[in-house]
Amino acid sequence: MGARIVNCPQCGKSAEWSSANPYRPFCSERCKMIDLGAWANEDYRIPVTESKDRPEADEGSGS
């Protein structure tokens, strides 16, 4: 069975998903480094919504 082909998450180019491609799932070191830089710059974030059901940490401390 041949190697699986996936799209590079950075540029969309076809990339081989196998041990022969050390940059998988990326197509190249360049795309891998662009993605790493985006993580380092905090460009990728998980949205957080505040819950009204959860009390604040300093409420009810009794001080």
PDB file of N, CA and C in Angstrom:
ATOM      1  N   MET A   1       0.846  -1.185   0.000  1.00  0.00           N
ATOM      2  CA  MET A   1       0.000   0.000   0.000  1.00  0.00           C
ATOM      3  C   MET A   1       0.884   1.238   0.000  1.00  0.00           C
ATOM      4  N   GLY A   2       0.556   2.224  -0.819  1.00  0.00           N
ATOM      5  CA  GLY A   2       1.356   3.436  -0.952  1.00  0.00           C
ATOM      6  C   GLY A   2       1.162   4.388   0.211  1.00  0.00           C
ATOM      7  N   ALA A   3       2.007   5.390   0.237  1.00  0.00           N
ATOM      8  CA  ALA A   3       1.926   6.403   1.295  1.00  0.00           C
ATOM      9  C   ALA A   3       0.660   7.236   1.128  1.00  0.00           C
ATOM     10  N   ARG A   4       0.107   7.644   2.225  1.00  0.00           N
ATOM     11  CA  ARG A   4      -1.089   8.477   2.210  1.00  0.00           C
ATOM     12  C   ARG A   4      -0.690   9.904   1.826  1.00  0.00           C
ATOM     13  N   ILE A   5      -1.474  10.545   1.001  1.00  0.00           N
ATOM     14  CA  ILE A   5      -1.235  11.922   0.580  1.00  0.00           C
ATOM     15  C   ILE A   5      -2.256  12.811   1.283  1.00  0.00           C
ATOM     16  N   VAL A   6      -1.762  13.867   1.937  1.00  0.00           N
ATOM     17  CA  VAL A   6      -2.618  14.824   2.629  1.00  0.00           C
ATOM     18  C   VAL A   6      -2.307  16.226   2.111  1.00  0.00           C
ATOM     19  N   ASN A   7      -3.183  17.170   2.395  1.00  0.00           N
ATOM     20  CA  ASN A   7      -2.922  18.561   2.037  1.00  0.00           C
ATOM     21  C   ASN A   7      -2.173  19.237   3.179  1.00  0.00           C
ATOM     22  N   CYS A   8      -1.142  19.986   2.823  1.00  0.00           N
ATOM     23  CA  CYS A   8      -0.374  20.739   3.819  1.00  0.00           C
ATOM     24  C   CYS A   8      -1.314  21.732   4.496  1.00  0.00           C
ATOM     25  N   PRO A   9      -1.359  21.759   5.830  1.00  0.00           N
ATOM     26  CA  PRO A   9      -2.268  22.682   6.512  1.00  0.00           C
ATOM     27  C   PRO A   9      -1.888  24.151   6.324  1.00  0.00           C
ATOM     28  N   GLN A  10      -0.663  24.409   5.897  1.00  0.00           N
ATOM     29  CA  GLN A  10      -0.216  25.792   5.720  1.00  0.00           C
ATOM     30  C   GLN A  10      -0.503  26.311   4.316  1.00  0.00           C
ATOM     31  N   CYS A  11      -0.087  25.567   3.294  1.00  0.00           N
ATOM     32  CA  CYS A  11      -0.206  26.080   1.918  1.00  0.00           C
ATOM     33  C   CYS A  11      -1.182  25.298   1.052  1.00  0.00           C
ATOM     34  N   GLY A  12      -1.603  24.118   1.503  1.00  0.00           N
ATOM     35  CA  GLY A  12      -2.554  23.321   0.749  1.00  0.00           C
ATOM     36  C   GLY A  12      -1.935  22.383  -0.276  1.00  0.00           C
ATOM     37  N   LYS A  13      -0.629  22.440  -0.453  1.00  0.00           N
ATOM     38  CA  LYS A  13       0.063  21.568  -1.400  1.00  0.00           C
ATOM     39  C   LYS A  13       0.007  20.121  -0.906  1.00  0.00           C
ATOM     40  N   SER A  14       0.029  19.167  -1.820  1.00  0.00           N
ATOM     41  CA  SER A  14       0.025  17.749  -1.450  1.00  0.00           C
ATOM     42  C   SER A  14       1.313  17.385  -0.721  1.00  0.00           C
ATOM     43  N   ALA A  15       1.169  16.602   0.340  1.00  0.00           N
ATOM     44  CA  ALA A  15       2.324  16.164   1.119  1.00  0.00           C
ATOM     45  C   ALA A  15       2.155  14.694   1.462  1.00  0.00           C
ATOM     46  N   GLU A  16       3.240  13.975   1.448  1.00  0.00           N
ATOM     47  CA  GLU A  16       3.219  12.549   1.763  1.00  0.00           C
ATOM     48  C   GLU A  16       3.234  12.351   3.270  1.00  0.00           C
ATOM     49  N   TRP A  17       2.297  11.537   3.772  1.00  0.00           N
ATOM     50  CA  TRP A  17       2.237  11.229   5.201  1.00  0.00           C
ATOM     51  C   TRP A  17       2.947   9.901   5.421  1.00  0.00           C
ATOM     52  N   SER A  18       4.253   9.995   5.619  1.00  0.00           N
ATOM     53  CA  SER A  18       5.046   8.794   5.870  1.00  0.00           C
ATOM     54  C   SER A  18       6.327   9.206   6.573  1.00  0.00           C
ATOM     55  N   SER A  19       7.069   8.213   7.039  1.00  0.00           N
ATOM     56  CA  SER A  19       8.336   8.507   7.717  1.00  0.00           C
ATOM     57  C   SER A  19       9.358   9.108   6.759  1.00  0.00           C
ATOM     58  N   ALA A  20       9.124   9.008   5.462  1.00  0.00           N
ATOM     59  CA  ALA A  20      10.012   9.622   4.477  1.00  0.00           C
ATOM     60  C   ALA A  20       9.878  11.150   4.465  1.00  0.00           C
ATOM     61  N   ASN A  21       8.781  11.679   5.001  1.00  0.00           N
ATOM     62  CA  ASN A  21       8.569  13.123   5.073  1.00  0.00           C
ATOM     63  C   ASN A  21       8.703  13.565   6.528  1.00  0.00           C
ATOM     64  N   PRO A  22       9.872  14.088   6.919  1.00  0.00           N
ATOM     65  CA  PRO A  22      10.079  14.482   8.323  1.00  0.00           C
ATOM     66  C   PRO A  22       9.252  15.698   8.741  1.00  0.00           C
ATOM     67  N   TYR A  23       8.626  16.386   7.796  1.00  0.00           N
ATOM     68  CA  TYR A  23       7.856  17.595   8.109  1.00  0.00           C
ATOM     69  C   TYR A  23       6.357  17.335   8.178  1.00  0.00           C
ATOM     70  N   ARG A  24       5.942  16.063   8.028  1.00  0.00           N
ATOM     71  CA  ARG A  24       4.513  15.762   7.990  1.00  0.00           C
ATOM     72  C   ARG A  24       3.789  16.357   9.190  1.00  0.00           C
ATOM     73  N   PRO A  25       2.644  16.903   9.085  1.00  0.00           N
ATOM     74  CA  PRO A  25       1.752  16.905   7.930  1.00  0.00           C
ATOM     75  C   PRO A  25       2.050  18.033   6.940  1.00  0.00           C
ATOM     76  N   PHE A  26       3.133  18.770   7.162  1.00  0.00           N
ATOM     77  CA  PHE A  26       3.487  19.868   6.268  1.00  0.00           C
ATOM     78  C   PHE A  26       4.262  19.349   5.065  1.00  0.00           C
ATOM     79  N   CYS A  27       4.310  20.157   4.009  1.00  0.00           N
ATOM     80  CA  CYS A  27       5.010  19.738   2.800  1.00  0.00           C
ATOM     81  C   CYS A  27       6.493  20.067   2.852  1.00  0.00           C
ATOM     82  N   SER A  28       6.886  21.005   3.726  1.00  0.00           N
ATOM     83  CA  SER A  28       8.282  21.434   3.764  1.00  0.00           C
ATOM     84  C   SER A  28       8.627  22.008   5.131  1.00  0.00           C
ATOM     85  N   GLU A  29       9.909  22.203   5.352  1.00  0.00           N
ATOM     86  CA  GLU A  29      10.366  22.826   6.596  1.00  0.00           C
ATOM     87  C   GLU A  29       9.834  24.251   6.700  1.00  0.00           C
ATOM     88  N   ARG A  30       9.748  24.945   5.565  1.00  0.00           N
ATOM     89  CA  ARG A  30       9.252  26.324   5.549  1.00  0.00           C
ATOM     90  C   ARG A  30       7.832  26.395   6.113  1.00  0.00           C
ATOM     91  N   CYS A  31       6.937  25.543   5.615  1.00  0.00           N
ATOM     92  CA  CYS A  31       5.553  25.547   6.095  1.00  0.00           C
ATOM     93  C   CYS A  31       5.485  25.172   7.573  1.00  0.00           C
ATOM     94  N   LYS A  32       6.309  24.221   7.992  1.00  0.00           N
ATOM     95  CA  LYS A  32       6.340  23.815   9.397  1.00  0.00           C
ATOM     96  C   LYS A  32       6.772  24.985  10.283  1.00  0.00           C
ATOM     97  N   MET A  33       7.776  25.740   9.846  1.00  0.00           N
ATOM     98  CA  MET A  33       8.278  26.864  10.632  1.00  0.00           C
ATOM     99  C   MET A  33       7.283  28.029  10.654  1.00  0.00           C
ATOM    100  N   ILE A  34       6.564  28.248   9.566  1.00  0.00           N
ATOM    101  CA  ILE A  34       5.526  29.285   9.548  1.00  0.00           C
ATOM    102  C   ILE A  34       4.463  28.963  10.596  1.00  0.00           C
ATOM    103  N   ASP A  35       4.052  27.693  10.657  1.00  0.00           N
ATOM    104  CA  ASP A  35       3.050  27.266  11.630  1.00  0.00           C
ATOM    105  C   ASP A  35       3.581  27.409  13.057  1.00  0.00           C
ATOM    106  N   LEU A  36       4.817  27.007  13.283  1.00  0.00           N
ATOM    107  CA  LEU A  36       5.426  27.138  14.610  1.00  0.00           C
ATOM    108  C   LEU A  36       5.478  28.602  15.027  1.00  0.00           C
ATOM    109  N   GLY A  37       5.828  29.477  14.099  1.00  0.00           N
ATOM    110  CA  GLY A  37       5.867  30.914  14.396  1.00  0.00           C
ATOM    111  C   GLY A  37       4.500  31.461  14.763  1.00  0.00           C
ATOM    112  N   ALA A  38       3.463  30.964  14.108  1.00  0.00           N
ATOM    113  CA  ALA A  38       2.104  31.410  14.426  1.00  0.00           C
ATOM    114  C   ALA A  38       1.732  31.007  15.855  1.00  0.00           C
ATOM    115  N   TRP A  39       2.134  29.789  16.264  1.00  0.00           N
ATOM    116  CA  TRP A  39       1.877  29.362  17.642  1.00  0.00           C
ATOM    117  C   TRP A  39       2.659  30.240  18.615  1.00  0.00           C
ATOM    118  N   ALA A  40       3.932  30.531  18.303  1.00  0.00           N
ATOM    119  CA  ALA A  40       4.768  31.345  19.188  1.00  0.00           C
ATOM    120  C   ALA A  40       4.230  32.763  19.330  1.00  0.00           C
ATOM    121  N   ASN A  41       3.626  33.288  18.261  1.00  0.00           N
ATOM    122  CA  ASN A  41       3.041  34.633  18.303  1.00  0.00           C
ATOM    123  C   ASN A  41       1.646  34.650  18.900  1.00  0.00           C
ATOM    124  N   GLU A  42       1.160  33.475  19.311  1.00  0.00           N
ATOM    125  CA  GLU A  42      -0.184  33.325  19.863  1.00  0.00           C
ATOM    126  C   GLU A  42      -1.264  33.724  18.872  1.00  0.00           C
ATOM    127  N   ASP A  43      -1.010  33.450  17.575  1.00  0.00           N
ATOM    128  CA  ASP A  43      -2.016  33.704  16.548  1.00  0.00           C
ATOM    129  C   ASP A  43      -3.160  32.706  16.642  1.00  0.00           C
ATOM    130  N   TYR A  44      -2.878  31.519  17.143  1.00  0.00           N
ATOM    131  CA  TYR A  44      -3.907  30.492  17.322  1.00  0.00           C
ATOM    132  C   TYR A  44      -4.397  30.585  18.759  1.00  0.00           C
ATOM    133  N   ARG A  45      -5.685  30.773  18.926  1.00  0.00           N
ATOM    134  CA  ARG A  45      -6.260  30.875  20.266  1.00  0.00           C
ATOM    135  C   ARG A  45      -7.565  30.094  20.333  1.00  0.00           C
ATOM    136  N   ILE A  46      -7.838  29.579  21.490  1.00  0.00           N
ATOM    137  CA  ILE A  46      -9.095  28.904  21.739  1.00  0.00           C
ATOM    138  C   ILE A  46     -10.005  29.910  22.431  1.00  0.00           C
ATOM    139  N   PRO A  47     -11.149  30.208  21.830  1.00  0.00           N
ATOM    140  CA  PRO A  47     -12.043  31.191  22.447  1.00  0.00           C
ATOM    141  C   PRO A  47     -12.576  30.692  23.789  1.00  0.00           C
ATOM    142  N   VAL A  48     -12.632  31.593  24.740  1.00  0.00           N
ATOM    143  CA  VAL A  48     -13.119  31.262  26.075  1.00  0.00           C
ATOM    144  C   VAL A  48     -14.333  32.128  26.368  1.00  0.00           C
ATOM    145  N   THR A  49     -15.388  31.497  26.838  1.00  0.00           N
ATOM    146  CA  THR A  49     -16.561  32.250  27.264  1.00  0.00           C
ATOM    147  C   THR A  49     -16.684  32.104  28.776  1.00  0.00           C
ATOM    148  N   GLU A  50     -16.900  33.202  29.430  1.00  0.00           N
ATOM    149  CA  GLU A  50     -17.030  33.188  30.874  1.00  0.00           C
ATOM    150  C   GLU A  50     -18.374  32.596  31.266  1.00  0.00           C
ATOM    151  N   SER A  51     -18.359  31.759  32.269  1.00  0.00           N
ATOM    152  CA  SER A  51     -19.577  31.134  32.752  1.00  0.00           C
ATOM    153  C   SER A  51     -20.136  31.940  33.910  1.00  0.00           C
ATOM    154  N   LYS A  52     -21.416  32.239  33.858  1.00  0.00           N
ATOM    155  CA  LYS A  52     -22.072  32.980  34.955  1.00  0.00           C
ATOM    156  C   LYS A  52     -22.352  32.057  36.135  1.00  0.00           C
ATOM    157  N   ASP A  53     -22.307  30.737  35.922  1.00  0.00           N
ATOM    158  CA  ASP A  53     -22.591  29.769  36.975  1.00  0.00           C
ATOM    159  C   ASP A  53     -21.411  29.562  37.918  1.00  0.00           C
ATOM    160  N   ARG A  54     -20.216  29.877  37.465  1.00  0.00           N
ATOM    161  CA  ARG A  54     -19.026  29.633  38.265  1.00  0.00           C
ATOM    162  C   ARG A  54     -18.672  30.895  39.043  1.00  0.00           C
ATOM    163  N   PRO A  55     -18.536  30.809  40.368  1.00  0.00           N
ATOM    164  CA  PRO A  55     -18.192  31.986  41.160  1.00  0.00           C
ATOM    165  C   PRO A  55     -16.752  32.424  40.899  1.00  0.00           C
ATOM    166  N   GLU A  56     -16.492  33.704  41.088  1.00  0.00           N
ATOM    167  CA  GLU A  56     -15.137  34.230  40.962  1.00  0.00           C
ATOM    168  C   GLU A  56     -14.262  33.669  42.059  1.00  0.00           C
ATOM    169  N   ALA A  57     -12.973  33.616  41.855  1.00  0.00           N
ATOM    170  CA  ALA A  57     -12.042  33.024  42.799  1.00  0.00           C
ATOM    171  C   ALA A  57     -12.010  33.773  44.125  1.00  0.00           C
ATOM    172  N   ASP A  58     -12.187  35.108  44.107  1.00  0.00           N
ATOM    173  CA  ASP A  58     -12.085  35.867  45.356  1.00  0.00           C
ATOM    174  C   ASP A  58     -13.429  36.069  46.058  1.00  0.00           C
ATOM    175  N   GLU A  59     -14.527  35.614  45.480  1.00  0.00           N
ATOM    176  CA  GLU A  59     -15.849  35.731  46.124  1.00  0.00           C
ATOM    177  C   GLU A  59     -15.967  34.681  47.233  1.00  0.00           C
ATOM    178  N   GLY A  60     -16.536  35.084  48.351  1.00  0.00           N
ATOM    179  CA  GLY A  60     -16.812  34.164  49.431  1.00  0.00           C
ATOM    180  C   GLY A  60     -15.573  33.687  50.173  1.00  0.00           C
ATOM    181  N   SER A  61     -14.476  34.437  50.070  1.00  0.00           N
ATOM    182  CA  SER A  61     -13.259  34.004  50.751  1.00  0.00           C
ATOM    183  C   SER A  61     -13.327  34.287  52.247  1.00  0.00           C
ATOM    184  N   GLY A  62     -14.285  35.129  52.669  1.00  0.00           N
ATOM    185  CA  GLY A  62     -14.479  35.376  54.100  1.00  0.00           C
ATOM    186  C   GLY A  62     -13.473  36.352  54.689  1.00  0.00           C
ATOM    187  N   SER A  63     -12.688  37.038  53.887  1.00  0.00           N
ATOM    188  CA  SER A  63     -11.711  37.988  54.424  1.00  0.00           C
ATOM    189  C   SER A  63     -12.263  39.368  54.438  1.00  0.00           C
TER     190      SER A  63
END
